[in-house]
Amino acid sequence: MSYLRFGIVLLTLFILSDSFSLVLAQSIYQFKTRGTTVRQQNMDTYTKNIKLTPKIRFRYLYGPINSDSQATRSTSTIIWDRLGIGQSVFKFKTSISGDTYDLENTSIDLSYTFGDTFGDEYTFTLGSSAVYSGKLTITSSDSEIFNSSNVEGSGYFSILGIEYGIFEILLGYQYIRYAFIELESESSSTNWGSVRNSRGLYVTGIGLAF
């Protein structure tokens, strides 16, 4: 009878130890799985934070239209993340029917850059310009000089950027429309009236992206 009780006790201990081992193994597995999931979530969050870090871009573009009209436009821009602000200087000099036109105007540019539109290394920028200052000098065929600094105008532009490390290669198109009014003669009370014109040109440039 004592042998029977002893056998029952041993069998009970064996069953309990086996159950305990199973529970312990399951607990260790769940702990490891939970730890792996937490680490993966932390890694995903870290990766997202890296991708969402805003970039600072410095850009310079320059564009001659053609050598005959002697028209140029230079643009300097700073971009924080996707929003950009810059300044453009447009210069134009030509002769029409013996009258020489020499003008310059300056505009402020606002832009928005679409990142990762065509891939990680490509950007596309759209923007608008507003002319806020300028000067026009007209020398007539009989050497009379007319001046005006009263200017207004606007424009738009688009730029494609290709990144190589921290550098950008830029290619764009800019359009500007402007008007000079109240041209006054330096030597008489004669007024010229107003001069209105528009120009579109392709520009190229370089940039830095951090």
N, C-alpha and C. Protein backbone atom coordinates (compact mmCIF):
# COMPACT_ATOMS: atom_id res chain seq x y z
N MET A 1 0.83 -1.21 0.00
CA MET A 1 0.00 0.00 0.00
C MET A 1 0.86 1.24 0.00
N SER A 2 1.96 1.19 0.77
CA SER A 2 2.87 2.33 0.83
C SER A 2 3.53 2.55 -0.52
N TYR A 3 3.82 1.42 -1.24
CA TYR A 3 4.41 1.57 -2.57
C TYR A 3 3.45 2.25 -3.53
N LEU A 4 2.16 1.95 -3.38
CA LEU A 4 1.15 2.57 -4.25
C LEU A 4 1.08 4.06 -4.01
N ARG A 5 1.07 4.46 -2.70
CA ARG A 5 1.03 5.90 -2.40
C ARG A 5 2.28 6.60 -2.93
N PHE A 6 3.42 5.93 -2.76
CA PHE A 6 4.67 6.52 -3.24
C PHE A 6 4.65 6.71 -4.76
N GLY A 7 4.08 5.73 -5.47
CA GLY A 7 3.99 5.84 -6.92
C GLY A 7 3.07 6.97 -7.34
N ILE A 8 1.94 7.10 -6.61
CA ILE A 8 1.00 8.19 -6.94
C ILE A 8 1.65 9.55 -6.73
N VAL A 9 2.41 9.69 -5.64
CA VAL A 9 3.10 10.95 -5.36
C VAL A 9 4.09 11.28 -6.46
N LEU A 10 4.89 10.28 -6.88
CA LEU A 10 5.86 10.51 -7.94
C LEU A 10 5.19 10.92 -9.25
N LEU A 11 4.07 10.23 -9.56
CA LEU A 11 3.34 10.56 -10.79
C LEU A 11 2.80 11.98 -10.75
N THR A 12 2.28 12.37 -9.57
CA THR A 12 1.75 13.74 -9.41
C THR A 12 2.85 14.77 -9.58
N LEU A 13 4.02 14.53 -8.96
CA LEU A 13 5.14 15.46 -9.08
C LEU A 13 5.61 15.58 -10.52
N PHE A 14 5.62 14.46 -11.24
CA PHE A 14 6.04 14.48 -12.64
C PHE A 14 5.10 15.32 -13.50
N ILE A 15 3.78 15.13 -13.25
CA ILE A 15 2.79 15.90 -14.02
C ILE A 15 2.90 17.38 -13.72
N LEU A 16 3.06 17.71 -12.42
CA LEU A 16 3.18 19.12 -12.04
C LEU A 16 4.44 19.76 -12.62
N SER A 17 5.55 19.04 -12.59
CA SER A 17 6.80 19.59 -13.13
C SER A 17 6.70 19.79 -14.63
N ASP A 18 6.03 18.87 -15.32
CA ASP A 18 5.87 19.01 -16.77
C ASP A 18 5.00 20.21 -17.11
N SER A 19 3.91 20.40 -16.34
CA SER A 19 3.03 21.55 -16.56
C SER A 19 3.76 22.85 -16.29
N PHE A 20 4.58 22.85 -15.21
CA PHE A 20 5.34 24.05 -14.88
C PHE A 20 6.33 24.40 -15.98
N SER A 21 6.98 23.38 -16.55
CA SER A 21 7.93 23.62 -17.64
C SER A 21 7.23 24.20 -18.86
N LEU A 22 6.02 23.68 -19.15
CA LEU A 22 5.26 24.19 -20.30
C LEU A 22 4.87 25.65 -20.10
N VAL A 23 4.39 25.97 -18.90
CA VAL A 23 3.99 27.36 -18.60
C VAL A 23 5.19 28.29 -18.68
N LEU A 24 6.33 27.83 -18.13
CA LEU A 24 7.54 28.64 -18.15
C LEU A 24 8.01 28.89 -19.59
N ALA A 25 7.96 27.86 -20.42
CA ALA A 25 8.37 28.02 -21.82
C ALA A 25 7.47 29.00 -22.56
N GLN A 26 6.15 28.91 -22.32
CA GLN A 26 5.22 29.83 -22.96
C GLN A 26 5.47 31.27 -22.51
N SER A 27 5.76 31.46 -21.23
CA SER A 27 6.01 32.80 -20.70
C SER A 27 7.26 33.40 -21.33
N ILE A 28 8.32 32.58 -21.44
CA ILE A 28 9.56 33.07 -22.05
C ILE A 28 9.33 33.43 -23.52
N TYR A 29 8.57 32.61 -24.24
CA TYR A 29 8.29 32.89 -25.65
C TYR A 29 7.51 34.19 -25.82
N GLN A 30 6.47 34.38 -24.97
CA GLN A 30 5.67 35.60 -25.04
C GLN A 30 6.51 36.83 -24.72
N PHE A 31 7.41 36.70 -23.75
CA PHE A 31 8.27 37.82 -23.38
C PHE A 31 9.19 38.21 -24.54
N LYS A 32 9.78 37.18 -25.18
CA LYS A 32 10.66 37.46 -26.31
C LYS A 32 9.90 38.08 -27.47
N THR A 33 8.69 37.55 -27.74
CA THR A 33 7.88 38.10 -28.83
C THR A 33 7.50 39.54 -28.57
N ARG A 34 7.10 39.83 -27.31
CA ARG A 34 6.73 41.20 -26.95
C ARG A 34 7.93 42.13 -27.07
N GLY A 35 9.09 41.68 -26.66
CA GLY A 35 10.30 42.50 -26.77
C GLY A 35 10.65 42.79 -28.21
N THR A 36 10.51 41.77 -29.08
CA THR A 36 10.81 41.97 -30.51
C THR A 36 9.84 42.97 -31.13
N THR A 37 8.55 42.87 -30.76
CA THR A 37 7.54 43.79 -31.29
C THR A 37 7.83 45.22 -30.86
N VAL A 38 8.19 45.40 -29.59
CA VAL A 38 8.48 46.74 -29.09
C VAL A 38 9.68 47.33 -29.81
N ARG A 39 10.73 46.50 -29.99
CA ARG A 39 11.92 46.99 -30.69
C ARG A 39 11.59 47.36 -32.13
N GLN A 40 10.74 46.55 -32.79
CA GLN A 40 10.36 46.84 -34.16
C GLN A 40 9.56 48.13 -34.25
N GLN A 41 8.65 48.35 -33.27
CA GLN A 41 7.87 49.58 -33.26
C GLN A 41 8.77 50.79 -33.03
N ASN A 42 9.74 50.64 -32.13
CA ASN A 42 10.67 51.74 -31.89
C ASN A 42 11.50 52.04 -33.13
N MET A 43 11.92 50.98 -33.84
CA MET A 43 12.69 51.18 -35.06
C MET A 43 11.87 51.86 -36.14
N ASP A 44 10.58 51.45 -36.28
CA ASP A 44 9.71 52.09 -37.27
C ASP A 44 9.51 53.56 -36.95
N THR A 45 9.31 53.88 -35.66
CA THR A 45 9.14 55.27 -35.25
C THR A 45 10.39 56.08 -35.54
N TYR A 46 11.56 55.49 -35.26
CA TYR A 46 12.83 56.17 -35.52
C TYR A 46 13.01 56.44 -37.01
N THR A 47 12.65 55.43 -37.83
CA THR A 47 12.78 55.59 -39.28
C THR A 47 11.85 56.67 -39.79
N LYS A 48 10.61 56.71 -39.28
CA LYS A 48 9.67 57.75 -39.70
C LYS A 48 10.17 59.12 -39.31
N ASN A 49 10.74 59.24 -38.12
CA ASN A 49 11.26 60.53 -37.69
C ASN A 49 12.39 61.00 -38.58
N ILE A 50 13.23 60.06 -39.04
CA ILE A 50 14.31 60.42 -39.94
C ILE A 50 13.74 60.94 -41.26
N LYS A 51 12.73 60.24 -41.80
CA LYS A 51 12.16 60.64 -43.08
C LYS A 51 11.42 61.97 -42.98
N LEU A 52 10.86 62.28 -41.81
CA LEU A 52 10.08 63.50 -41.66
C LEU A 52 10.93 64.70 -41.27
N THR A 53 12.25 64.52 -41.10
CA THR A 53 13.10 65.64 -40.75
C THR A 53 13.11 66.64 -41.89
N PRO A 54 12.74 67.91 -41.64
CA PRO A 54 12.67 68.89 -42.72
C PRO A 54 14.04 69.23 -43.26
N LYS A 55 14.08 69.57 -44.55
CA LYS A 55 15.33 69.94 -45.20
C LYS A 55 15.40 71.44 -45.40
N ILE A 56 16.62 71.95 -45.39
CA ILE A 56 16.88 73.34 -45.74
C ILE A 56 17.58 73.34 -47.09
N ARG A 57 17.07 74.15 -48.01
CA ARG A 57 17.65 74.21 -49.35
C ARG A 57 18.04 75.65 -49.68
N PHE A 58 19.21 75.80 -50.27
CA PHE A 58 19.67 77.08 -50.79
C PHE A 58 19.84 76.92 -52.30
N ARG A 59 19.20 77.81 -53.06
CA ARG A 59 19.22 77.68 -54.51
C ARG A 59 19.60 78.99 -55.19
N TYR A 60 20.29 78.84 -56.31
CA TYR A 60 20.60 79.99 -57.17
C TYR A 60 20.36 79.58 -58.61
N LEU A 61 19.56 80.39 -59.32
CA LEU A 61 19.25 80.11 -60.72
C LEU A 61 19.55 81.35 -61.56
N TYR A 62 19.93 81.09 -62.80
CA TYR A 62 20.26 82.18 -63.72
C TYR A 62 19.79 81.80 -65.11
N GLY A 63 19.23 82.79 -65.82
CA GLY A 63 18.73 82.46 -67.15
C GLY A 63 18.82 83.60 -68.13
N PRO A 64 19.66 83.48 -69.14
CA PRO A 64 19.59 84.42 -70.27
C PRO A 64 18.53 83.97 -71.27
N ILE A 65 17.83 84.93 -71.85
CA ILE A 65 16.86 84.59 -72.91
C ILE A 65 17.62 84.39 -74.23
N ASN A 66 18.25 85.44 -74.70
CA ASN A 66 19.12 85.31 -75.87
C ASN A 66 20.05 86.52 -75.91
N SER A 67 21.08 86.41 -76.67
CA SER A 67 22.10 87.45 -76.69
C SER A 67 21.63 88.73 -77.39
N ASP A 68 20.62 88.62 -78.26
CA ASP A 68 20.15 89.80 -78.99
C ASP A 68 19.41 90.77 -78.08
N SER A 69 18.52 90.25 -77.24
CA SER A 69 17.72 91.13 -76.38
C SER A 69 18.45 91.50 -75.10
N GLN A 70 19.52 90.78 -74.75
CA GLN A 70 20.30 91.05 -73.55
C GLN A 70 19.42 91.07 -72.31
N ALA A 71 18.58 90.05 -72.17
CA ALA A 71 17.70 89.93 -71.01
C ALA A 71 18.18 88.79 -70.13
N THR A 72 18.24 89.02 -68.82
CA THR A 72 18.67 88.00 -67.87
C THR A 72 17.79 88.07 -66.63
N ARG A 73 17.77 86.96 -65.91
CA ARG A 73 17.07 86.93 -64.62
C ARG A 73 17.83 86.01 -63.67
N SER A 74 18.15 86.50 -62.50
CA SER A 74 18.84 85.71 -61.49
C SER A 74 17.95 85.59 -60.26
N THR A 75 17.96 84.41 -59.65
CA THR A 75 17.07 84.13 -58.52
C THR A 75 17.85 83.46 -57.40
N SER A 76 17.66 83.95 -56.18
CA SER A 76 18.21 83.33 -54.98
C SER A 76 17.05 82.95 -54.07
N THR A 77 17.07 81.71 -53.57
CA THR A 77 15.94 81.19 -52.79
C THR A 77 16.43 80.38 -51.61
N ILE A 78 15.71 80.47 -50.49
CA ILE A 78 15.92 79.58 -49.36
C ILE A 78 14.61 78.84 -49.11
N ILE A 79 14.70 77.53 -48.90
CA ILE A 79 13.52 76.68 -48.71
C ILE A 79 13.66 75.95 -47.39
N TRP A 80 12.64 76.08 -46.54
CA TRP A 80 12.57 75.34 -45.28
C TRP A 80 11.50 74.27 -45.43
N ASP A 81 11.93 73.01 -45.41
CA ASP A 81 11.03 71.88 -45.64
C ASP A 81 10.46 71.99 -47.05
N ARG A 82 9.27 72.56 -47.22
CA ARG A 82 8.66 72.67 -48.54
C ARG A 82 8.35 74.12 -48.94
N LEU A 83 8.31 75.03 -47.97
CA LEU A 83 7.98 76.42 -48.25
C LEU A 83 9.25 77.22 -48.52
N GLY A 84 9.21 78.03 -49.58
CA GLY A 84 10.39 78.80 -49.96
C GLY A 84 10.09 80.27 -50.16
N ILE A 85 11.11 81.09 -49.94
CA ILE A 85 11.02 82.52 -50.20
C ILE A 85 12.33 82.95 -50.85
N GLY A 86 12.22 83.85 -51.83
CA GLY A 86 13.41 84.26 -52.54
C GLY A 86 13.24 85.61 -53.20
N GLN A 87 14.26 85.99 -53.95
CA GLN A 87 14.26 87.27 -54.65
C GLN A 87 14.85 87.08 -56.04
N SER A 88 14.21 87.71 -57.02
CA SER A 88 14.67 87.64 -58.41
C SER A 88 14.94 89.04 -58.94
N VAL A 89 15.99 89.15 -59.75
CA VAL A 89 16.34 90.41 -60.40
C VAL A 89 16.31 90.19 -61.91
N PHE A 90 15.46 90.95 -62.57
CA PHE A 90 15.30 90.84 -64.02
C PHE A 90 15.91 92.08 -64.68
N LYS A 91 16.76 91.85 -65.69
CA LYS A 91 17.40 92.94 -66.42
C LYS A 91 17.14 92.76 -67.91
N PHE A 92 16.87 93.90 -68.55
CA PHE A 92 16.52 93.85 -69.97
C PHE A 92 17.01 95.11 -70.65
N LYS A 93 17.69 94.93 -71.78
CA LYS A 93 18.18 96.06 -72.55
C LYS A 93 18.05 95.75 -74.02
N THR A 94 17.43 96.68 -74.76
CA THR A 94 17.24 96.46 -76.19
C THR A 94 17.00 97.81 -76.87
N SER A 95 17.01 97.79 -78.19
CA SER A 95 16.74 98.99 -78.99
C SER A 95 15.59 98.70 -79.95
N ILE A 96 14.64 99.64 -79.99
CA ILE A 96 13.48 99.51 -80.87
C ILE A 96 13.30 100.83 -81.60
N SER A 97 13.40 100.78 -82.93
CA SER A 97 13.21 101.97 -83.77
C SER A 97 14.09 103.14 -83.33
N GLY A 98 15.31 102.84 -82.94
CA GLY A 98 16.24 103.89 -82.55
C GLY A 98 16.15 104.29 -81.09
N ASP A 99 15.14 103.81 -80.36
CA ASP A 99 15.01 104.11 -78.93
C ASP A 99 15.63 102.97 -78.12
N THR A 100 16.41 103.34 -77.11
CA THR A 100 17.08 102.35 -76.27
C THR A 100 16.34 102.18 -74.95
N TYR A 101 16.04 100.94 -74.61
CA TYR A 101 15.34 100.62 -73.36
C TYR A 101 16.32 99.89 -72.44
N ASP A 102 16.46 100.41 -71.24
CA ASP A 102 17.33 99.79 -70.24
C ASP A 102 16.56 99.72 -68.92
N LEU A 103 16.20 98.50 -68.51
CA LEU A 103 15.36 98.38 -67.32
C LEU A 103 15.86 97.28 -66.40
N GLU A 104 15.41 97.40 -65.16
CA GLU A 104 15.69 96.39 -64.14
C GLU A 104 14.54 96.39 -63.14
N ASN A 105 14.07 95.21 -62.77
CA ASN A 105 13.06 95.14 -61.71
C ASN A 105 13.38 93.98 -60.77
N THR A 106 12.89 94.11 -59.55
CA THR A 106 13.14 93.12 -58.51
C THR A 106 11.81 92.59 -57.99
N SER A 107 11.74 91.29 -57.81
CA SER A 107 10.50 90.67 -57.34
C SER A 107 10.78 89.75 -56.16
N ILE A 108 9.76 89.56 -55.34
CA ILE A 108 9.81 88.58 -54.25
C ILE A 108 9.10 87.31 -54.71
N ASP A 109 9.69 86.17 -54.40
CA ASP A 109 9.18 84.88 -54.87
C ASP A 109 8.74 84.02 -53.70
N LEU A 110 7.57 83.42 -53.82
CA LEU A 110 7.06 82.45 -52.85
C LEU A 110 6.84 81.13 -53.58
N SER A 111 7.23 80.02 -52.93
CA SER A 111 7.17 78.74 -53.64
C SER A 111 6.81 77.60 -52.69
N TYR A 112 6.42 76.50 -53.30
CA TYR A 112 6.15 75.25 -52.58
C TYR A 112 6.83 74.12 -53.34
N THR A 113 7.59 73.30 -52.62
CA THR A 113 8.35 72.22 -53.23
C THR A 113 7.74 70.87 -52.89
N PHE A 114 7.46 70.10 -53.92
CA PHE A 114 6.93 68.75 -53.75
C PHE A 114 8.12 67.79 -53.70
N GLY A 115 8.36 67.20 -52.54
CA GLY A 115 9.47 66.27 -52.40
C GLY A 115 9.02 64.84 -52.68
N ASP A 116 9.96 64.02 -53.14
CA ASP A 116 9.71 62.60 -53.41
C ASP A 116 8.56 62.40 -54.40
N THR A 117 8.37 63.35 -55.31
CA THR A 117 7.27 63.23 -56.27
C THR A 117 7.57 62.17 -57.32
N PHE A 118 8.80 62.18 -57.83
CA PHE A 118 9.18 61.23 -58.86
C PHE A 118 10.28 60.28 -58.36
N GLY A 119 10.47 60.21 -57.06
CA GLY A 119 11.54 59.41 -56.49
C GLY A 119 12.25 60.19 -55.40
N ASP A 120 13.12 59.52 -54.67
CA ASP A 120 13.78 60.16 -53.54
C ASP A 120 14.70 61.29 -53.96
N GLU A 121 15.25 61.25 -55.17
CA GLU A 121 16.23 62.25 -55.57
C GLU A 121 15.65 63.37 -56.42
N TYR A 122 14.35 63.37 -56.68
CA TYR A 122 13.73 64.39 -57.52
C TYR A 122 12.79 65.28 -56.71
N THR A 123 12.77 66.58 -57.05
CA THR A 123 11.82 67.52 -56.45
C THR A 123 11.20 68.36 -57.56
N PHE A 124 10.02 68.89 -57.27
CA PHE A 124 9.33 69.77 -58.22
C PHE A 124 8.78 70.96 -57.46
N THR A 125 9.10 72.16 -57.93
CA THR A 125 8.75 73.40 -57.24
C THR A 125 7.85 74.26 -58.11
N LEU A 126 6.78 74.78 -57.50
CA LEU A 126 5.90 75.75 -58.15
C LEU A 126 5.89 77.02 -57.31
N GLY A 127 5.82 78.17 -57.99
CA GLY A 127 5.83 79.42 -57.24
C GLY A 127 5.31 80.60 -58.04
N SER A 128 5.16 81.72 -57.34
CA SER A 128 4.69 82.96 -57.96
C SER A 128 5.60 84.11 -57.54
N SER A 129 5.60 85.16 -58.36
CA SER A 129 6.46 86.32 -58.12
C SER A 129 5.63 87.59 -58.11
N ALA A 130 6.08 88.57 -57.32
CA ALA A 130 5.43 89.88 -57.28
C ALA A 130 6.52 90.95 -57.37
N VAL A 131 6.45 91.78 -58.40
CA VAL A 131 7.44 92.84 -58.60
C VAL A 131 7.16 93.97 -57.61
N TYR A 132 8.21 94.40 -56.89
CA TYR A 132 8.01 95.47 -55.91
C TYR A 132 8.92 96.68 -56.12
N SER A 133 9.90 96.60 -57.01
CA SER A 133 10.75 97.76 -57.28
C SER A 133 11.40 97.60 -58.64
N GLY A 134 11.86 98.74 -59.19
CA GLY A 134 12.51 98.68 -60.49
C GLY A 134 12.80 100.07 -61.03
N LYS A 135 13.48 100.10 -62.16
CA LYS A 135 13.80 101.36 -62.81
C LYS A 135 13.91 101.14 -64.31
N LEU A 136 13.35 102.08 -65.07
CA LEU A 136 13.41 102.03 -66.52
C LEU A 136 13.96 103.36 -67.04
N THR A 137 14.92 103.27 -67.95
CA THR A 137 15.48 104.44 -68.62
C THR A 137 15.35 104.25 -70.12
N ILE A 138 14.72 105.22 -70.77
CA ILE A 138 14.56 105.18 -72.23
C ILE A 138 15.32 106.37 -72.82
N THR A 139 16.19 106.07 -73.74
CA THR A 139 16.89 107.12 -74.49
C THR A 139 16.32 107.14 -75.90
N SER A 140 15.63 108.21 -76.22
CA SER A 140 14.96 108.28 -77.52
C SER A 140 15.98 108.50 -78.64
N SER A 141 15.49 108.39 -79.86
CA SER A 141 16.36 108.54 -81.03
C SER A 141 16.96 109.94 -81.14
N ASP A 142 16.31 110.94 -80.52
CA ASP A 142 16.86 112.30 -80.53
C ASP A 142 17.56 112.62 -79.21
N SER A 143 17.98 111.55 -78.47
CA SER A 143 18.81 111.66 -77.25
C SER A 143 18.07 112.23 -76.05
N GLU A 144 16.76 112.25 -76.06
CA GLU A 144 16.02 112.67 -74.88
C GLU A 144 15.86 111.47 -73.95
N ILE A 145 16.03 111.69 -72.65
CA ILE A 145 16.04 110.60 -71.67
C ILE A 145 14.77 110.64 -70.82
N PHE A 146 14.13 109.48 -70.69
CA PHE A 146 12.93 109.33 -69.86
C PHE A 146 13.21 108.28 -68.78
N ASN A 147 12.72 108.56 -67.57
CA ASN A 147 12.94 107.66 -66.44
C ASN A 147 11.63 107.34 -65.72
N SER A 148 11.60 106.16 -65.11
CA SER A 148 10.47 105.79 -64.26
C SER A 148 10.92 104.72 -63.26
N SER A 149 10.48 104.88 -62.02
CA SER A 149 10.69 103.85 -61.00
C SER A 149 9.36 103.35 -60.45
N ASN A 150 8.29 103.74 -61.13
CA ASN A 150 6.95 103.30 -60.73
C ASN A 150 6.62 102.03 -61.53
N VAL A 151 6.73 100.88 -60.88
CA VAL A 151 6.60 99.61 -61.58
C VAL A 151 5.66 98.68 -60.82
N GLU A 152 5.01 97.84 -61.57
CA GLU A 152 4.18 96.78 -60.99
C GLU A 152 4.26 95.57 -61.90
N GLY A 153 3.99 94.40 -61.33
CA GLY A 153 4.05 93.20 -62.15
C GLY A 153 3.94 91.94 -61.32
N SER A 154 3.87 90.82 -62.01
CA SER A 154 3.75 89.52 -61.35
C SER A 154 4.25 88.44 -62.30
N GLY A 155 4.35 87.23 -61.78
CA GLY A 155 4.82 86.13 -62.61
C GLY A 155 4.66 84.80 -61.91
N TYR A 156 5.14 83.76 -62.56
CA TYR A 156 5.10 82.42 -61.99
C TYR A 156 6.31 81.65 -62.49
N PHE A 157 6.59 80.51 -61.85
CA PHE A 157 7.73 79.71 -62.25
C PHE A 157 7.56 78.27 -61.80
N SER A 158 8.30 77.38 -62.44
CA SER A 158 8.35 75.97 -62.05
C SER A 158 9.79 75.49 -62.19
N ILE A 159 10.20 74.62 -61.26
CA ILE A 159 11.60 74.17 -61.22
C ILE A 159 11.64 72.67 -60.93
N LEU A 160 12.43 71.96 -61.70
CA LEU A 160 12.70 70.55 -61.45
C LEU A 160 14.09 70.42 -60.85
N GLY A 161 14.18 69.71 -59.72
CA GLY A 161 15.46 69.52 -59.05
C GLY A 161 15.87 68.06 -59.00
N ILE A 162 17.17 67.82 -59.17
CA ILE A 162 17.73 66.47 -59.08
C ILE A 162 18.84 66.51 -58.04
N GLU A 163 18.73 65.69 -57.01
CA GLU A 163 19.69 65.69 -55.91
C GLU A 163 20.82 64.69 -56.16
N TYR A 164 22.04 65.14 -55.86
CA TYR A 164 23.23 64.29 -55.84
C TYR A 164 23.93 64.54 -54.50
N GLY A 165 23.60 63.73 -53.51
CA GLY A 165 24.13 63.98 -52.18
C GLY A 165 23.50 65.24 -51.61
N ILE A 166 24.33 66.22 -51.24
CA ILE A 166 23.81 67.49 -50.72
C ILE A 166 23.63 68.52 -51.84
N PHE A 167 23.98 68.17 -53.07
CA PHE A 167 23.88 69.11 -54.18
C PHE A 167 22.61 68.88 -54.99
N GLU A 168 22.14 69.96 -55.63
CA GLU A 168 20.98 69.90 -56.51
C GLU A 168 21.33 70.48 -57.87
N ILE A 169 20.86 69.83 -58.92
CA ILE A 169 20.91 70.37 -60.27
C ILE A 169 19.50 70.84 -60.60
N LEU A 170 19.37 72.10 -61.02
CA LEU A 170 18.05 72.72 -61.19
C LEU A 170 17.82 73.15 -62.63
N LEU A 171 16.61 72.92 -63.10
CA LEU A 171 16.18 73.35 -64.43
C LEU A 171 14.75 73.86 -64.30
N GLY A 172 14.51 75.09 -64.80
CA GLY A 172 13.18 75.65 -64.61
C GLY A 172 12.76 76.60 -65.71
N TYR A 173 11.52 77.06 -65.57
CA TYR A 173 10.95 78.05 -66.49
C TYR A 173 10.33 79.17 -65.65
N GLN A 174 10.62 80.42 -66.03
CA GLN A 174 10.09 81.58 -65.31
C GLN A 174 9.39 82.51 -66.29
N TYR A 175 8.27 83.05 -65.84
CA TYR A 175 7.52 84.01 -66.66
C TYR A 175 7.25 85.24 -65.81
N ILE A 176 7.45 86.41 -66.40
CA ILE A 176 7.20 87.66 -65.67
C ILE A 176 6.49 88.65 -66.58
N ARG A 177 5.55 89.37 -66.00
CA ARG A 177 4.79 90.42 -66.69
C ARG A 177 4.93 91.70 -65.87
N TYR A 178 5.28 92.81 -66.50
CA TYR A 178 5.55 94.04 -65.75
C TYR A 178 5.09 95.26 -66.53
N ALA A 179 4.96 96.38 -65.82
CA ALA A 179 4.55 97.64 -66.44
C ALA A 179 5.22 98.80 -65.70
N PHE A 180 5.86 99.69 -66.46
CA PHE A 180 6.40 100.94 -65.93
C PHE A 180 5.48 102.08 -66.38
N ILE A 181 5.09 102.91 -65.44
CA ILE A 181 4.18 104.01 -65.76
C ILE A 181 4.80 105.33 -65.32
N GLU A 182 4.24 106.41 -65.86
CA GLU A 182 4.66 107.77 -65.52
C GLU A 182 6.14 108.00 -65.84
N LEU A 183 6.53 107.72 -67.08
CA LEU A 183 7.89 108.02 -67.50
C LEU A 183 8.01 109.52 -67.76
N GLU A 184 8.96 110.15 -67.12
CA GLU A 184 9.14 111.59 -67.22
C GLU A 184 10.48 111.92 -67.86
N SER A 185 10.49 112.99 -68.63
CA SER A 185 11.71 113.42 -69.30
C SER A 185 12.61 114.16 -68.32
N GLU A 186 13.93 114.01 -68.50
CA GLU A 186 14.88 114.73 -67.66
C GLU A 186 15.05 116.18 -68.09
N SER A 187 14.73 116.48 -69.34
CA SER A 187 15.01 117.82 -69.87
C SER A 187 13.78 118.64 -70.21
N SER A 188 12.59 118.03 -70.16
CA SER A 188 11.38 118.77 -70.50
C SER A 188 10.20 118.19 -69.72
N SER A 189 9.04 118.75 -69.96
CA SER A 189 7.83 118.28 -69.28
C SER A 189 7.12 117.18 -70.07
N THR A 190 7.77 116.66 -71.08
CA THR A 190 7.18 115.63 -71.92
C THR A 190 7.12 114.30 -71.16
N ASN A 191 6.00 113.62 -71.29
CA ASN A 191 5.84 112.29 -70.69
C ASN A 191 5.81 111.23 -71.78
N TRP A 192 6.35 110.07 -71.46
CA TRP A 192 6.38 108.99 -72.43
C TRP A 192 5.11 108.15 -72.38
N GLY A 193 4.45 108.12 -71.26
CA GLY A 193 3.29 107.25 -71.09
C GLY A 193 3.68 106.05 -70.24
N SER A 194 3.37 104.87 -70.69
CA SER A 194 3.71 103.66 -69.94
C SER A 194 4.32 102.62 -70.87
N VAL A 195 5.08 101.72 -70.28
CA VAL A 195 5.71 100.63 -71.02
C VAL A 195 5.31 99.32 -70.36
N ARG A 196 4.69 98.44 -71.12
CA ARG A 196 4.27 97.13 -70.61
C ARG A 196 4.93 96.04 -71.44
N ASN A 197 5.34 95.00 -70.75
CA ASN A 197 6.00 93.91 -71.46
C ASN A 197 5.92 92.64 -70.63
N SER A 198 6.27 91.53 -71.23
CA SER A 198 6.32 90.24 -70.53
C SER A 198 7.43 89.41 -71.15
N ARG A 199 7.98 88.53 -70.33
CA ARG A 199 9.08 87.68 -70.79
C ARG A 199 8.97 86.30 -70.14
N GLY A 200 9.33 85.29 -70.89
CA GLY A 200 9.45 83.94 -70.36
C GLY A 200 10.82 83.40 -70.70
N LEU A 201 11.44 82.71 -69.79
CA LEU A 201 12.78 82.21 -70.04
C LEU A 201 13.05 80.93 -69.27
N TYR A 202 13.94 80.13 -69.83
CA TYR A 202 14.40 78.93 -69.15
C TYR A 202 15.63 79.29 -68.32
N VAL A 203 15.70 78.69 -67.14
CA VAL A 203 16.80 78.98 -66.23
C VAL A 203 17.43 77.67 -65.76
N THR A 204 18.68 77.75 -65.39
CA THR A 204 19.38 76.62 -64.80
C THR A 204 20.06 77.10 -63.53
N GLY A 205 20.38 76.16 -62.65
CA GLY A 205 21.01 76.57 -61.41
C GLY A 205 21.52 75.40 -60.60
N ILE A 206 22.04 75.74 -59.44
CA ILE A 206 22.55 74.74 -58.51
C ILE A 206 21.98 75.03 -57.13
N GLY A 207 22.02 74.04 -56.27
CA GLY A 207 21.49 74.21 -54.92
C GLY A 207 22.20 73.30 -53.93
N LEU A 208 21.98 73.60 -52.66
CA LEU A 208 22.47 72.78 -51.56
C LEU A 208 21.28 72.36 -50.71
N ALA A 209 21.22 71.09 -50.33
CA ALA A 209 20.12 70.57 -49.51
C ALA A 209 20.71 69.86 -48.30
N PHE A 210 20.28 70.28 -47.10
CA PHE A 210 20.79 69.70 -45.85
C PHE A 210 19.65 69.01 -45.10
